[in-house]
Amino acid sequence: MMKGGMGNMMKQAQMMQANMQKVQEELAQTEVEGSASNGMVKITMTCNNSVKRVQINDAAMDDRETLEDLLLIALTDAKAKAEATSQQRMAGVVPAGFKMPF
């Protein structure tokens, strides 16, 4: 009985690992957009933090310091959205109450 239980647990762990890998691959292709100042600056990145596009409205280019701040805000916004999307998608893979051993 103990041996069958352990084998079943190993199968479940392997399935969970395969599902996690699939979700990670999907997240690498999933894009989110962060923005600042009503879209004056937009940054598009994947959920594995690869920046794909930076869009800057001409009006934002008047002041270098403000532009730098807007870029930082947009990047922070995109990163937060990527993390939230990743957590949401991973929640469906890992069973409720499951504690990772690391």
N, C-alpha and C. Protein backbone atom coordinates (compact mmCIF):
# COMPACT_ATOMS: atom_id res chain seq x y z
N MET A 1 0.82 -1.20 0.00
CA MET A 1 0.00 0.00 0.00
C MET A 1 0.86 1.25 0.00
N MET A 2 1.90 1.26 0.79
CA MET A 2 2.78 2.42 0.89
C MET A 2 3.46 2.69 -0.46
N LYS A 3 3.88 1.61 -1.13
CA LYS A 3 4.56 1.77 -2.40
C LYS A 3 3.64 2.39 -3.46
N GLY A 4 2.39 1.94 -3.52
CA GLY A 4 1.43 2.49 -4.48
C GLY A 4 1.15 3.96 -4.21
N GLY A 5 1.06 4.32 -2.94
CA GLY A 5 0.83 5.71 -2.57
C GLY A 5 1.97 6.60 -3.00
N MET A 6 3.19 6.11 -2.83
CA MET A 6 4.37 6.89 -3.21
C MET A 6 4.43 7.03 -4.72
N GLY A 7 4.10 5.96 -5.45
CA GLY A 7 4.11 6.02 -6.91
C GLY A 7 3.08 7.00 -7.43
N ASN A 8 1.90 7.02 -6.81
CA ASN A 8 0.84 7.95 -7.19
C ASN A 8 1.28 9.39 -6.91
N MET A 9 1.92 9.59 -5.78
CA MET A 9 2.40 10.93 -5.43
C MET A 9 3.45 11.41 -6.43
N MET A 10 4.32 10.49 -6.86
CA MET A 10 5.35 10.85 -7.85
C MET A 10 4.71 11.22 -9.20
N LYS A 11 3.68 10.47 -9.59
CA LYS A 11 2.97 10.79 -10.84
C LYS A 11 2.34 12.17 -10.76
N GLN A 12 1.72 12.47 -9.62
CA GLN A 12 1.09 13.78 -9.44
C GLN A 12 2.14 14.89 -9.49
N ALA A 13 3.29 14.66 -8.88
CA ALA A 13 4.36 15.65 -8.89
C ALA A 13 4.87 15.88 -10.30
N GLN A 14 5.00 14.81 -11.08
CA GLN A 14 5.46 14.93 -12.46
C GLN A 14 4.44 15.69 -13.31
N MET A 15 3.16 15.41 -13.08
CA MET A 15 2.11 16.12 -13.82
C MET A 15 2.11 17.60 -13.46
N MET A 16 2.28 17.90 -12.19
CA MET A 16 2.30 19.28 -11.75
C MET A 16 3.51 20.00 -12.36
N GLN A 17 4.65 19.32 -12.39
CA GLN A 17 5.85 19.92 -12.98
C GLN A 17 5.64 20.20 -14.47
N ALA A 18 5.03 19.27 -15.18
CA ALA A 18 4.77 19.46 -16.61
C ALA A 18 3.79 20.62 -16.83
N ASN A 19 2.77 20.69 -15.99
CA ASN A 19 1.81 21.80 -16.09
C ASN A 19 2.47 23.13 -15.80
N MET A 20 3.35 23.17 -14.79
CA MET A 20 4.05 24.41 -14.46
C MET A 20 4.93 24.86 -15.62
N GLN A 21 5.60 23.92 -16.26
CA GLN A 21 6.46 24.26 -17.40
C GLN A 21 5.63 24.82 -18.55
N LYS A 22 4.46 24.20 -18.79
CA LYS A 22 3.59 24.68 -19.86
C LYS A 22 3.12 26.11 -19.57
N VAL A 23 2.72 26.37 -18.33
CA VAL A 23 2.26 27.71 -17.95
C VAL A 23 3.41 28.71 -18.08
N GLN A 24 4.60 28.32 -17.67
CA GLN A 24 5.76 29.23 -17.79
C GLN A 24 6.04 29.58 -19.25
N GLU A 25 5.90 28.61 -20.14
CA GLU A 25 6.09 28.87 -21.56
C GLU A 25 5.02 29.82 -22.09
N GLU A 26 3.78 29.63 -21.63
CA GLU A 26 2.70 30.53 -22.04
C GLU A 26 2.94 31.94 -21.52
N LEU A 27 3.41 32.05 -20.27
CA LEU A 27 3.67 33.36 -19.68
C LEU A 27 4.79 34.09 -20.42
N ALA A 28 5.75 33.35 -20.95
CA ALA A 28 6.84 33.97 -21.71
C ALA A 28 6.32 34.63 -22.98
N GLN A 29 5.14 34.21 -23.45
CA GLN A 29 4.54 34.79 -24.65
C GLN A 29 3.44 35.81 -24.33
N THR A 30 2.99 35.83 -23.07
CA THR A 30 1.91 36.72 -22.67
C THR A 30 2.44 38.12 -22.43
N GLU A 31 1.84 39.11 -23.10
CA GLU A 31 2.28 40.49 -22.96
C GLU A 31 1.34 41.30 -22.08
N VAL A 32 1.93 42.18 -21.29
CA VAL A 32 1.17 43.13 -20.48
C VAL A 32 1.70 44.53 -20.81
N GLU A 33 0.88 45.54 -20.53
CA GLU A 33 1.29 46.91 -20.81
C GLU A 33 1.21 47.75 -19.56
N GLY A 34 2.30 48.42 -19.26
CA GLY A 34 2.32 49.39 -18.17
C GLY A 34 2.32 50.77 -18.76
N SER A 35 1.70 51.71 -18.05
CA SER A 35 1.65 53.06 -18.58
C SER A 35 1.81 54.08 -17.47
N ALA A 36 2.12 55.29 -17.89
CA ALA A 36 2.27 56.41 -16.95
C ALA A 36 1.65 57.64 -17.56
N SER A 37 1.11 58.48 -16.70
CA SER A 37 0.56 59.77 -17.10
C SER A 37 -0.45 59.64 -18.24
N ASN A 38 -1.48 58.83 -17.98
CA ASN A 38 -2.56 58.64 -18.97
C ASN A 38 -2.05 58.17 -20.33
N GLY A 39 -1.06 57.30 -20.33
CA GLY A 39 -0.57 56.74 -21.57
C GLY A 39 0.48 57.55 -22.29
N MET A 40 1.01 58.58 -21.64
CA MET A 40 2.08 59.37 -22.29
C MET A 40 3.30 58.48 -22.53
N VAL A 41 3.52 57.53 -21.62
CA VAL A 41 4.59 56.56 -21.78
C VAL A 41 3.98 55.19 -21.55
N LYS A 42 4.25 54.26 -22.47
CA LYS A 42 3.75 52.89 -22.36
C LYS A 42 4.91 51.93 -22.56
N ILE A 43 4.92 50.89 -21.74
CA ILE A 43 5.92 49.84 -21.87
C ILE A 43 5.20 48.50 -21.97
N THR A 44 5.50 47.75 -23.00
CA THR A 44 4.93 46.42 -23.18
C THR A 44 6.02 45.41 -22.91
N MET A 45 5.68 44.43 -22.04
CA MET A 45 6.65 43.39 -21.71
C MET A 45 5.93 42.06 -21.53
N THR A 46 6.70 40.98 -21.59
CA THR A 46 6.12 39.66 -21.36
C THR A 46 6.12 39.39 -19.86
N CYS A 47 5.42 38.33 -19.49
CA CYS A 47 5.33 37.98 -18.07
C CYS A 47 6.61 37.34 -17.54
N ASN A 48 7.62 37.17 -18.39
CA ASN A 48 8.93 36.76 -17.90
C ASN A 48 9.91 37.94 -17.97
N ASN A 49 9.34 39.15 -17.96
CA ASN A 49 10.06 40.42 -17.83
C ASN A 49 10.95 40.78 -19.03
N SER A 50 10.55 40.37 -20.20
CA SER A 50 11.25 40.76 -21.41
C SER A 50 10.53 41.96 -22.02
N VAL A 51 11.19 43.11 -22.06
CA VAL A 51 10.57 44.32 -22.59
C VAL A 51 10.50 44.21 -24.11
N LYS A 52 9.29 44.42 -24.65
CA LYS A 52 9.07 44.28 -26.08
C LYS A 52 8.97 45.63 -26.80
N ARG A 53 8.29 46.60 -26.17
CA ARG A 53 8.10 47.90 -26.80
C ARG A 53 8.11 49.02 -25.75
N VAL A 54 8.58 50.17 -26.18
CA VAL A 54 8.50 51.40 -25.39
C VAL A 54 7.89 52.45 -26.31
N GLN A 55 6.80 53.03 -25.87
CA GLN A 55 6.14 54.09 -26.65
C GLN A 55 6.15 55.37 -25.82
N ILE A 56 6.62 56.45 -26.45
CA ILE A 56 6.70 57.74 -25.76
C ILE A 56 5.98 58.79 -26.60
N ASN A 57 5.01 59.43 -26.00
CA ASN A 57 4.28 60.51 -26.65
C ASN A 57 5.23 61.70 -26.80
N ASP A 58 5.13 62.40 -27.92
CA ASP A 58 6.01 63.54 -28.17
C ASP A 58 5.98 64.57 -27.04
N ALA A 59 4.83 64.79 -26.45
CA ALA A 59 4.69 65.78 -25.38
C ALA A 59 5.52 65.41 -24.14
N ALA A 60 5.83 64.14 -23.97
CA ALA A 60 6.60 63.70 -22.80
C ALA A 60 8.09 63.95 -22.98
N MET A 61 8.51 64.36 -24.16
CA MET A 61 9.94 64.51 -24.43
C MET A 61 10.46 65.91 -24.16
N ASP A 62 9.61 66.78 -23.64
CA ASP A 62 10.03 68.15 -23.36
C ASP A 62 11.00 68.26 -22.19
N ASP A 63 10.82 67.39 -21.20
CA ASP A 63 11.61 67.49 -19.97
C ASP A 63 12.23 66.12 -19.68
N ARG A 64 13.54 66.07 -19.72
CA ARG A 64 14.26 64.80 -19.55
C ARG A 64 13.97 64.16 -18.20
N GLU A 65 13.99 64.91 -17.14
CA GLU A 65 13.78 64.36 -15.79
C GLU A 65 12.36 63.78 -15.66
N THR A 66 11.38 64.48 -16.19
CA THR A 66 10.00 63.98 -16.15
C THR A 66 9.88 62.71 -16.98
N LEU A 67 10.51 62.69 -18.14
CA LEU A 67 10.48 61.50 -18.99
C LEU A 67 11.09 60.30 -18.27
N GLU A 68 12.20 60.51 -17.61
CA GLU A 68 12.83 59.43 -16.85
C GLU A 68 11.88 58.89 -15.78
N ASP A 69 11.21 59.80 -15.07
CA ASP A 69 10.24 59.39 -14.04
C ASP A 69 9.08 58.60 -14.66
N LEU A 70 8.57 59.08 -15.80
CA LEU A 70 7.46 58.39 -16.47
C LEU A 70 7.87 57.00 -16.94
N LEU A 71 9.09 56.87 -17.44
CA LEU A 71 9.58 55.55 -17.86
C LEU A 71 9.65 54.60 -16.67
N LEU A 72 10.13 55.08 -15.56
CA LEU A 72 10.22 54.26 -14.36
C LEU A 72 8.83 53.84 -13.88
N ILE A 73 7.89 54.76 -13.88
CA ILE A 73 6.52 54.46 -13.46
C ILE A 73 5.89 53.42 -14.39
N ALA A 74 6.05 53.59 -15.69
CA ALA A 74 5.47 52.66 -16.66
C ALA A 74 6.10 51.27 -16.53
N LEU A 75 7.40 51.22 -16.32
CA LEU A 75 8.09 49.94 -16.16
C LEU A 75 7.63 49.24 -14.88
N THR A 76 7.50 49.99 -13.81
CA THR A 76 7.03 49.43 -12.55
C THR A 76 5.61 48.90 -12.69
N ASP A 77 4.78 49.64 -13.40
CA ASP A 77 3.39 49.22 -13.63
C ASP A 77 3.35 47.93 -14.46
N ALA A 78 4.14 47.86 -15.50
CA ALA A 78 4.17 46.66 -16.35
C ALA A 78 4.67 45.45 -15.55
N LYS A 79 5.69 45.66 -14.74
CA LYS A 79 6.24 44.57 -13.93
C LYS A 79 5.21 44.05 -12.94
N ALA A 80 4.47 44.95 -12.31
CA ALA A 80 3.43 44.55 -11.36
C ALA A 80 2.33 43.75 -12.06
N LYS A 81 1.95 44.18 -13.26
CA LYS A 81 0.92 43.46 -14.01
C LYS A 81 1.43 42.08 -14.43
N ALA A 82 2.69 42.00 -14.82
CA ALA A 82 3.28 40.71 -15.20
C ALA A 82 3.30 39.75 -14.01
N GLU A 83 3.68 40.25 -12.85
CA GLU A 83 3.72 39.42 -11.65
C GLU A 83 2.32 38.95 -11.26
N ALA A 84 1.34 39.84 -11.33
CA ALA A 84 -0.03 39.48 -10.98
C ALA A 84 -0.57 38.42 -11.94
N THR A 85 -0.29 38.59 -13.23
CA THR A 85 -0.74 37.62 -14.22
C THR A 85 -0.07 36.27 -13.97
N SER A 86 1.22 36.28 -13.68
CA SER A 86 1.95 35.04 -13.42
C SER A 86 1.39 34.32 -12.19
N GLN A 87 1.16 35.06 -11.12
CA GLN A 87 0.63 34.45 -9.90
C GLN A 87 -0.75 33.86 -10.15
N GLN A 88 -1.57 34.58 -10.89
CA GLN A 88 -2.92 34.10 -11.17
C GLN A 88 -2.88 32.81 -11.98
N ARG A 89 -2.03 32.75 -12.98
CA ARG A 89 -1.96 31.55 -13.83
C ARG A 89 -1.33 30.38 -13.08
N MET A 90 -0.33 30.64 -12.24
CA MET A 90 0.32 29.58 -11.48
C MET A 90 -0.60 29.03 -10.39
N ALA A 91 -1.51 29.85 -9.90
CA ALA A 91 -2.44 29.40 -8.86
C ALA A 91 -3.28 28.24 -9.36
N GLY A 92 -3.55 28.18 -10.64
CA GLY A 92 -4.33 27.09 -11.20
C GLY A 92 -3.54 25.79 -11.34
N VAL A 93 -2.21 25.88 -11.24
CA VAL A 93 -1.36 24.70 -11.42
C VAL A 93 -1.06 24.04 -10.08
N VAL A 94 -0.77 24.85 -9.08
CA VAL A 94 -0.39 24.33 -7.76
C VAL A 94 -1.66 24.15 -6.93
N PRO A 95 -1.87 22.96 -6.38
CA PRO A 95 -3.08 22.72 -5.57
C PRO A 95 -3.15 23.65 -4.36
N ALA A 96 -4.37 24.01 -3.97
CA ALA A 96 -4.58 24.88 -2.81
C ALA A 96 -3.97 24.23 -1.57
N GLY A 97 -3.26 25.03 -0.80
CA GLY A 97 -2.66 24.54 0.43
C GLY A 97 -1.33 23.84 0.24
N PHE A 98 -0.92 23.65 -1.01
CA PHE A 98 0.35 22.97 -1.27
C PHE A 98 1.50 23.92 -0.95
N LYS A 99 2.42 23.47 -0.16
CA LYS A 99 3.59 24.27 0.21
C LYS A 99 4.79 23.77 -0.56
N MET A 100 5.44 24.68 -1.25
CA MET A 100 6.65 24.30 -1.98
C MET A 100 7.76 24.04 -0.98
N PRO A 101 8.60 23.03 -1.19
CA PRO A 101 9.64 22.69 -0.22
C PRO A 101 10.84 23.62 -0.23
N PHE A 102 10.80 24.68 -0.99
CA PHE A 102 11.94 25.61 -1.04
C PHE A 102 11.49 27.02 -0.82
